[in-house]
Amino acid sequence: MHLPIETDAVIIGAGPVGLFQVFELGLLEIKAHVIDSLPEVGGQCIELYPDKPIYDIPAIPVCTGRELVSNLLKQIEPFKPQFHLNQEVSTLEKQADGRFLIRTSQDQQFLSRAIFIAAGVGAFQPRTLNLDGIEAFVDKQIFYRVRNPEQFASKRIVICGGGDSALDWALHFAERAASVILIHRRDEFKAAPQSVAKMRALCAAGKMQLIIGQITGLESSADKLTEIAVANIDGEVQMIALDALLLFYGLSPKLGPIADWGLDIDRKQIAVDTACFQTSTPGIYAVGDINIYPGKKKLILSGFHEAALAAFAAAAYLAPEKQIQLQYTTTSPKLHKALGVSPATFE
């Protein structure tokens, strides 16, 4: 059992809103630890659309999900947040001294004075393929995420799915793997049209193959996956030899343990006071897609606004005797010092 990490703030969720929450807290001299269930920072932006364009971030005409996350990480560098990834918050309990004790799935503990839930629509779990014996091959020859693309070079790869992740990886490996077969249950795709067009062009050129059907069985030899059975729409089954199977059926958001923390929940989202984005429990705030209130719009820019108000509310909660001044990064020497920048000179 690890000793608890004592801190003023814990942010649950390392997506764009959680990262911007670090920034807003940092401007108010509140340091934060950030916990996320995914193995890397970025939330939905990295898991679902890392290379897709985003057009509605103020003052940025276009950027990819990956670029947005990279810029947010650069923006919060002065505040040196500590990230605790690949772990889910399992329990949250208020202590006698008013602090919150958090435990994670990796047996890490935190004692925090304030909590910011920026968990998007919950902890993401990949939608899995339900076949007998599949678990023996998961993370060996069957994968729901690609963490090391180089391990699939020169391999016979089968990719399943019809969304952006499936198409993006099919296009990526078409020139790098020994062979690529894309399997989807129908000849319609949810991926970007240009990706679908590229995939069809590669199929026409013989550089990859598309099969309309579904996986119905696995064959193995000496504890190694050797073939999969694929049934087409007429029920005819063919066997496909392979080295690796990549499954991209999407991510299923689950509210998970958050539902048991005693917060007011409305349609699997956390109810908040829009004056401060505090939940029904003082000291716990919810920002981004995880919260709900009249007029709520699930936009990144809305989450940024919520993070700013939550930070000011938390500063008042943590130091009620202190007057919180609204300062501007354009003119405040104090904020310039916090950010490590020199004030701009205007003529």
Protein backbone atom coordinates (compact mmCIF):
# COMPACT_ATOMS: atom_id res chain seq x y z
CA MET A 1 0.00 0.00 0.00
CA HIS A 2 1.45 3.36 -1.04
CA LEU A 3 1.40 6.25 1.43
CA PRO A 4 -1.18 8.87 0.42
CA ILE A 5 -0.01 11.79 -1.70
CA GLU A 6 -1.19 14.98 -0.01
CA THR A 7 -2.25 17.77 -2.35
CA ASP A 8 -4.61 20.70 -2.72
CA ALA A 9 -6.25 19.40 -5.89
CA VAL A 10 -6.78 16.17 -7.78
CA ILE A 11 -8.14 16.25 -11.32
CA ILE A 12 -9.82 13.07 -12.52
CA GLY A 13 -9.45 13.00 -16.29
CA ALA A 14 -6.56 14.08 -18.54
CA GLY A 15 -8.52 15.14 -21.59
CA PRO A 16 -8.43 18.72 -22.91
CA VAL A 17 -10.73 20.07 -20.19
CA GLY A 18 -8.77 18.33 -17.43
CA LEU A 19 -5.53 19.75 -18.83
CA PHE A 20 -6.96 23.26 -19.01
CA GLN A 21 -8.18 22.83 -15.43
CA VAL A 22 -4.50 22.43 -14.48
CA PHE A 23 -3.79 25.78 -16.13
CA GLU A 24 -6.63 27.67 -14.46
CA LEU A 25 -5.72 26.25 -11.06
CA GLY A 26 -2.06 27.05 -11.65
CA LEU A 27 -2.84 30.72 -12.26
CA LEU A 28 -4.41 30.72 -8.79
CA GLU A 29 -1.34 29.00 -7.27
CA ILE A 30 -3.10 25.66 -6.79
CA LYS A 31 -1.00 22.63 -7.72
CA ALA A 32 -2.71 19.55 -9.10
CA HIS A 33 -2.26 15.83 -9.56
CA VAL A 34 -4.05 14.33 -12.58
CA ILE A 35 -5.42 10.77 -12.75
CA ASP A 36 -6.65 9.07 -15.93
CA SER A 37 -7.76 5.55 -16.81
CA LEU A 38 -6.10 5.70 -20.24
CA PRO A 39 -2.39 4.97 -20.78
CA GLU A 40 -1.63 8.43 -22.19
CA VAL A 41 -2.76 12.01 -21.77
CA GLY A 42 -5.43 13.42 -24.08
CA GLY A 43 -8.73 11.66 -23.44
CA GLN A 44 -11.11 11.32 -26.38
CA CYS A 45 -8.89 13.57 -28.54
CA ILE A 46 -6.12 10.98 -28.51
CA GLU A 47 -8.21 7.81 -28.29
CA LEU A 48 -10.87 8.65 -30.88
CA TYR A 49 -9.63 11.33 -33.26
CA PRO A 50 -5.92 12.15 -32.80
CA ASP A 51 -5.39 13.12 -36.43
CA LYS A 52 -8.82 14.50 -37.28
CA PRO A 53 -9.27 18.26 -37.67
CA ILE A 54 -11.02 20.33 -34.99
CA TYR A 55 -12.40 23.67 -36.14
CA ASP A 56 -14.13 25.19 -33.11
CA ILE A 57 -11.30 26.04 -30.72
CA PRO A 58 -11.26 29.85 -30.31
CA ALA A 59 -8.48 31.61 -32.25
CA ILE A 60 -7.25 28.31 -33.75
CA PRO A 61 -8.82 27.92 -37.21
CA VAL A 62 -7.93 24.23 -37.35
CA CYS A 63 -5.90 21.73 -35.33
CA THR A 64 -5.87 17.99 -34.82
CA GLY A 65 -6.74 16.35 -31.53
CA ARG A 66 -3.08 15.51 -31.08
CA GLU A 67 -2.01 19.11 -31.73
CA LEU A 68 -4.59 20.44 -29.27
CA VAL A 69 -3.35 18.12 -26.53
CA SER A 70 0.28 18.96 -27.31
CA ASN A 71 -0.42 22.69 -27.05
CA LEU A 72 -2.32 22.26 -23.79
CA LEU A 73 0.60 20.28 -22.33
CA LYS A 74 2.97 23.05 -23.37
CA GLN A 75 0.66 25.65 -21.82
CA ILE A 76 0.61 23.91 -18.42
CA GLU A 77 4.36 23.18 -18.26
CA PRO A 78 5.02 26.06 -15.83
CA PHE A 79 2.74 24.43 -13.26
CA LYS A 80 4.46 21.02 -13.34
CA PRO A 81 1.39 18.80 -12.90
CA GLN A 82 1.99 15.18 -11.95
CA PHE A 83 0.16 12.58 -14.04
CA HIS A 84 -0.96 9.16 -12.80
CA LEU A 85 -2.06 7.25 -15.89
CA ASN A 86 -3.52 3.84 -16.67
CA GLN A 87 -5.44 3.78 -13.40
CA GLU A 88 -9.04 4.42 -12.47
CA VAL A 89 -10.25 6.07 -9.30
CA SER A 90 -12.01 3.30 -7.40
CA THR A 91 -13.13 5.02 -4.19
CA LEU A 92 -13.54 8.56 -2.92
CA GLU A 93 -14.30 9.18 0.75
CA LYS A 94 -14.57 12.42 2.70
CA GLN A 95 -12.40 12.44 5.82
CA ALA A 96 -13.04 13.98 9.24
CA ASP A 97 -10.68 16.87 8.46
CA GLY A 98 -12.64 17.77 5.31
CA ARG A 99 -10.16 16.31 2.85
CA PHE A 100 -10.99 13.57 0.36
CA LEU A 101 -9.23 10.20 0.36
CA ILE A 102 -8.92 8.78 -3.16
CA ARG A 103 -7.85 5.24 -3.97
CA THR A 104 -7.04 4.05 -7.49
CA SER A 105 -6.99 0.71 -9.25
CA GLN A 106 -3.18 0.72 -8.92
CA ASP A 107 -3.47 1.03 -5.12
CA GLN A 108 -2.31 4.65 -5.20
CA GLN A 109 -3.83 6.95 -2.58
CA PHE A 110 -4.34 10.72 -2.49
CA LEU A 111 -5.47 13.06 0.25
CA SER A 112 -6.82 16.13 -1.50
CA ARG A 113 -8.63 19.23 -0.35
CA ALA A 114 -10.53 19.60 -3.63
CA ILE A 115 -11.53 17.28 -6.45
CA PHE A 116 -12.19 18.15 -10.09
CA ILE A 117 -14.00 15.51 -12.11
CA ALA A 118 -13.14 16.04 -15.79
CA ALA A 119 -13.75 12.47 -16.84
CA GLY A 120 -15.54 13.17 -20.13
CA VAL A 121 -18.39 10.71 -20.38
CA GLY A 122 -16.68 8.35 -17.96
CA ALA A 123 -13.81 5.89 -18.05
CA PHE A 124 -13.36 4.49 -21.54
CA GLN A 125 -13.25 0.75 -22.02
CA PRO A 126 -12.85 -0.86 -25.45
CA ARG A 127 -15.85 -2.76 -26.77
CA THR A 128 -14.67 -6.33 -26.88
CA LEU A 129 -15.24 -9.34 -29.11
CA ASN A 130 -17.16 -12.05 -27.29
CA LEU A 131 -15.72 -15.38 -28.44
CA ASP A 132 -14.74 -18.48 -26.49
CA GLY A 133 -11.01 -18.58 -25.74
CA ILE A 134 -10.28 -15.01 -26.84
CA GLU A 135 -8.81 -13.88 -23.52
CA ALA A 136 -5.80 -16.17 -23.94
CA PHE A 137 -4.60 -14.06 -26.87
CA VAL A 138 -5.46 -10.52 -25.73
CA ASP A 139 -2.37 -8.27 -25.69
CA LYS A 140 -0.38 -11.11 -27.29
CA GLN A 141 -1.92 -11.46 -30.76
CA ILE A 142 -5.27 -9.73 -30.25
CA PHE A 143 -5.25 -6.02 -29.49
CA TYR A 144 -7.87 -3.35 -28.80
CA ARG A 145 -5.30 -0.53 -28.93
CA VAL A 146 -2.05 -0.06 -30.83
CA ARG A 147 0.65 1.14 -28.48
CA ASN A 148 3.69 0.00 -30.45
CA PRO A 149 3.07 0.07 -34.22
CA GLU A 150 6.53 -1.33 -34.97
CA GLN A 151 5.61 -4.71 -33.50
CA PHE A 152 3.23 -5.30 -36.44
CA ALA A 153 5.73 -4.57 -39.21
CA SER A 154 5.97 -7.42 -41.75
CA LYS A 155 3.11 -9.29 -40.04
CA ARG A 156 -0.14 -10.65 -41.50
CA ILE A 157 -2.67 -8.32 -39.91
CA VAL A 158 -6.45 -8.49 -39.74
CA ILE A 159 -8.21 -5.30 -38.66
CA CYS A 160 -11.88 -5.21 -37.61
CA GLY A 161 -14.09 -2.15 -37.47
CA GLY A 162 -15.61 0.57 -39.59
CA GLY A 163 -14.65 3.76 -37.78
CA ASP A 164 -11.72 6.14 -37.93
CA SER A 165 -9.40 4.02 -35.79
CA ALA A 166 -9.87 0.91 -37.95
CA LEU A 167 -9.43 2.80 -41.21
CA ASP A 168 -6.50 4.89 -39.98
CA TRP A 169 -4.55 1.82 -38.87
CA ALA A 170 -5.46 -0.11 -42.02
CA LEU A 171 -4.03 2.71 -44.12
CA HIS A 172 -0.99 2.97 -41.87
CA PHE A 173 -0.12 -0.72 -42.11
CA ALA A 174 -0.98 -1.19 -45.79
CA GLU A 175 2.56 -0.17 -46.74
CA ARG A 176 4.29 -1.67 -43.70
CA ALA A 177 2.76 -5.07 -42.95
CA ALA A 178 3.11 -8.31 -44.89
CA SER A 179 -0.64 -8.15 -45.54
CA VAL A 180 -3.67 -6.23 -44.28
CA ILE A 181 -7.25 -7.46 -44.31
CA LEU A 182 -10.00 -5.13 -43.12
CA ILE A 183 -13.20 -6.80 -41.88
CA HIS A 184 -16.43 -4.89 -41.35
CA ARG A 185 -19.96 -6.17 -40.96
CA ARG A 186 -21.28 -3.99 -43.78
CA ASP A 187 -19.98 -2.03 -46.75
CA GLU A 188 -20.69 1.32 -45.07
CA PHE A 189 -18.23 3.12 -42.83
CA LYS A 190 -18.32 5.76 -40.10
CA ALA A 191 -14.77 6.87 -40.87
CA ALA A 192 -13.78 10.06 -42.67
CA PRO A 193 -14.79 9.84 -46.38
CA GLN A 194 -11.22 10.48 -47.56
CA SER A 195 -10.00 7.55 -45.47
CA VAL A 196 -12.64 5.27 -46.95
CA ALA A 197 -11.68 6.40 -50.46
CA LYS A 198 -7.99 5.69 -49.78
CA MET A 199 -8.87 2.25 -48.40
CA ARG A 200 -10.89 1.35 -51.49
CA ALA A 201 -8.07 2.56 -53.75
CA LEU A 202 -5.56 0.38 -51.89
CA CYS A 203 -7.91 -2.61 -52.21
CA ALA A 204 -8.24 -1.97 -55.96
CA ALA A 205 -4.45 -1.83 -56.21
CA GLY A 206 -4.11 -5.15 -54.38
CA LYS A 207 -2.29 -3.60 -51.42
CA MET A 208 -4.94 -4.65 -48.89
CA GLN A 209 -8.23 -6.53 -48.81
CA LEU A 210 -11.74 -5.72 -47.57
CA ILE A 211 -14.06 -8.49 -46.37
CA ILE A 212 -17.68 -7.81 -45.46
CA GLY A 213 -18.52 -10.17 -42.62
CA GLN A 214 -18.06 -10.97 -38.96
CA ILE A 215 -15.60 -13.06 -36.95
CA THR A 216 -17.29 -16.20 -35.65
CA GLY A 217 -14.42 -18.30 -34.33
CA LEU A 218 -10.74 -18.68 -33.52
CA GLU A 219 -8.30 -21.48 -34.34
CA SER A 220 -5.04 -22.00 -32.48
CA SER A 221 -2.09 -24.34 -32.37
CA ALA A 222 0.50 -24.69 -29.61
CA ASP A 223 -1.08 -21.78 -27.69
CA LYS A 224 -0.77 -19.52 -30.72
CA LEU A 225 -3.63 -17.96 -32.67
CA THR A 226 -3.31 -19.16 -36.26
CA GLU A 227 -6.64 -18.50 -37.99
CA ILE A 228 -9.98 -16.80 -37.59
CA ALA A 229 -13.33 -17.87 -39.02
CA VAL A 230 -15.23 -15.12 -40.85
CA ALA A 231 -18.86 -15.47 -41.93
CA ASN A 232 -20.15 -13.31 -44.76
CA ILE A 233 -23.69 -11.92 -45.02
CA ASP A 234 -24.87 -15.19 -46.61
CA GLY A 235 -23.49 -17.23 -43.71
CA GLU A 236 -20.61 -18.70 -45.71
CA VAL A 237 -17.49 -19.12 -43.59
CA GLN A 238 -13.88 -18.70 -44.68
CA MET A 239 -10.73 -19.23 -42.65
CA ILE A 240 -8.12 -16.48 -42.60
CA ALA A 241 -4.54 -17.08 -41.46
CA LEU A 242 -3.00 -14.24 -39.46
CA ASP A 243 -0.30 -13.13 -37.07
CA ALA A 244 -2.22 -10.35 -35.31
CA LEU A 245 -5.84 -9.29 -34.92
CA LEU A 246 -6.61 -5.62 -34.23
CA LEU A 247 -10.15 -4.94 -32.98
CA PHE A 248 -11.59 -1.43 -33.18
CA TYR A 249 -15.22 -1.67 -32.20
CA GLY A 250 -15.13 1.67 -30.43
CA LEU A 251 -14.88 2.72 -26.81
CA SER A 252 -17.68 2.32 -24.32
CA PRO A 253 -17.90 5.09 -21.72
CA LYS A 254 -18.77 3.89 -18.24
CA LEU A 255 -19.54 6.12 -15.28
CA GLY A 256 -18.08 3.37 -13.13
CA PRO A 257 -17.30 4.06 -9.46
CA ILE A 258 -18.27 7.74 -9.82
CA ALA A 259 -21.89 6.59 -9.52
CA ASP A 260 -21.17 5.45 -5.95
CA TRP A 261 -19.61 8.67 -4.62
CA GLY A 262 -22.86 10.13 -3.32
CA LEU A 263 -23.10 12.90 -5.92
CA ASP A 264 -26.35 13.98 -7.52
CA ILE A 265 -26.55 12.09 -10.82
CA ASP A 266 -28.90 12.97 -13.68
CA ARG A 267 -28.99 10.65 -16.71
CA LYS A 268 -25.54 9.26 -15.91
CA GLN A 269 -24.07 12.75 -15.61
CA ILE A 270 -23.16 14.84 -12.58
CA ALA A 271 -25.47 17.73 -11.67
CA VAL A 272 -23.63 21.01 -10.96
CA ASP A 273 -24.27 24.57 -9.87
CA THR A 274 -23.41 26.73 -12.89
CA ALA A 275 -22.21 29.60 -10.70
CA CYS A 276 -19.20 27.54 -9.65
CA PHE A 277 -19.56 24.05 -11.22
CA GLN A 278 -19.58 22.50 -7.79
CA THR A 279 -21.38 19.20 -7.37
CA SER A 280 -23.79 18.39 -4.56
CA THR A 281 -20.71 17.77 -2.37
CA PRO A 282 -18.76 20.93 -1.42
CA GLY A 283 -15.17 20.72 -2.60
CA ILE A 284 -15.97 18.44 -5.54
CA TYR A 285 -16.36 20.07 -8.95
CA ALA A 286 -17.35 18.59 -12.30
CA VAL A 287 -16.35 20.10 -15.65
CA GLY A 288 -16.67 19.04 -19.27
CA ASP A 289 -18.87 16.30 -20.70
CA ILE A 290 -19.30 14.57 -17.32
CA ASN A 291 -21.58 17.32 -15.97
CA ILE A 292 -25.14 18.34 -16.75
CA TYR A 293 -27.11 21.54 -16.25
CA PRO A 294 -29.85 23.43 -18.14
CA GLY A 295 -28.55 24.45 -21.55
CA LYS A 296 -25.47 22.22 -21.36
CA LYS A 297 -23.57 21.85 -24.64
CA LYS A 298 -20.91 19.14 -24.90
CA LEU A 299 -18.19 21.23 -26.51
CA ILE A 300 -14.52 21.53 -25.59
CA LEU A 301 -14.83 25.31 -25.43
CA SER A 302 -17.71 24.99 -22.94
CA GLY A 303 -15.50 22.80 -20.77
CA PHE A 304 -12.74 25.43 -20.84
CA HIS A 305 -15.20 28.04 -19.53
CA GLU A 306 -16.38 25.66 -16.82
CA ALA A 307 -12.80 24.95 -15.74
CA ALA A 308 -12.11 28.66 -15.26
CA LEU A 309 -15.15 29.20 -13.03
CA ALA A 310 -14.49 25.99 -11.09
CA ALA A 311 -10.91 27.12 -10.39
CA PHE A 312 -12.03 30.45 -8.92
CA ALA A 313 -14.69 28.72 -6.85
CA ALA A 314 -12.16 26.21 -5.53
CA ALA A 315 -9.68 28.95 -4.65
CA ALA A 316 -12.37 30.58 -2.49
CA TYR A 317 -13.27 27.18 -0.99
CA LEU A 318 -9.65 26.36 -0.14
CA ALA A 319 -8.86 29.80 1.32
CA PRO A 320 -12.14 31.44 2.39
CA GLU A 321 -10.26 34.15 4.31
CA LYS A 322 -8.39 35.25 1.19
CA GLN A 323 -9.78 37.69 -1.35
CA ILE A 324 -9.38 36.24 -4.83
CA GLN A 325 -8.46 38.92 -7.33
CA LEU A 326 -9.32 38.56 -11.00
CA GLN A 327 -6.05 39.20 -12.82
CA TYR A 328 -5.22 39.21 -16.51
CA THR A 329 -2.30 37.39 -18.10
CA THR A 330 -1.74 40.42 -20.35
CA THR A 331 -0.93 42.79 -17.47
CA SER A 332 -0.39 40.92 -14.19
CA PRO A 333 3.27 40.70 -13.05
CA LYS A 334 2.22 37.95 -10.66
CA LEU A 335 0.80 35.83 -13.48
CA HIS A 336 3.80 36.60 -15.70
CA LYS A 337 6.06 35.26 -12.95
CA ALA A 338 3.89 32.13 -12.54
CA LEU A 339 4.01 31.50 -16.28
CA GLY A 340 7.73 32.27 -16.55
CA VAL A 341 7.23 34.91 -19.22
CA SER A 342 8.35 38.50 -19.67
CA PRO A 343 5.62 41.13 -19.92
CA ALA A 344 4.95 42.28 -23.45
CA THR A 345 5.90 45.85 -24.33
CA PHE A 346 3.36 47.90 -26.20
CA GLU A 347 4.11 51.18 -27.96
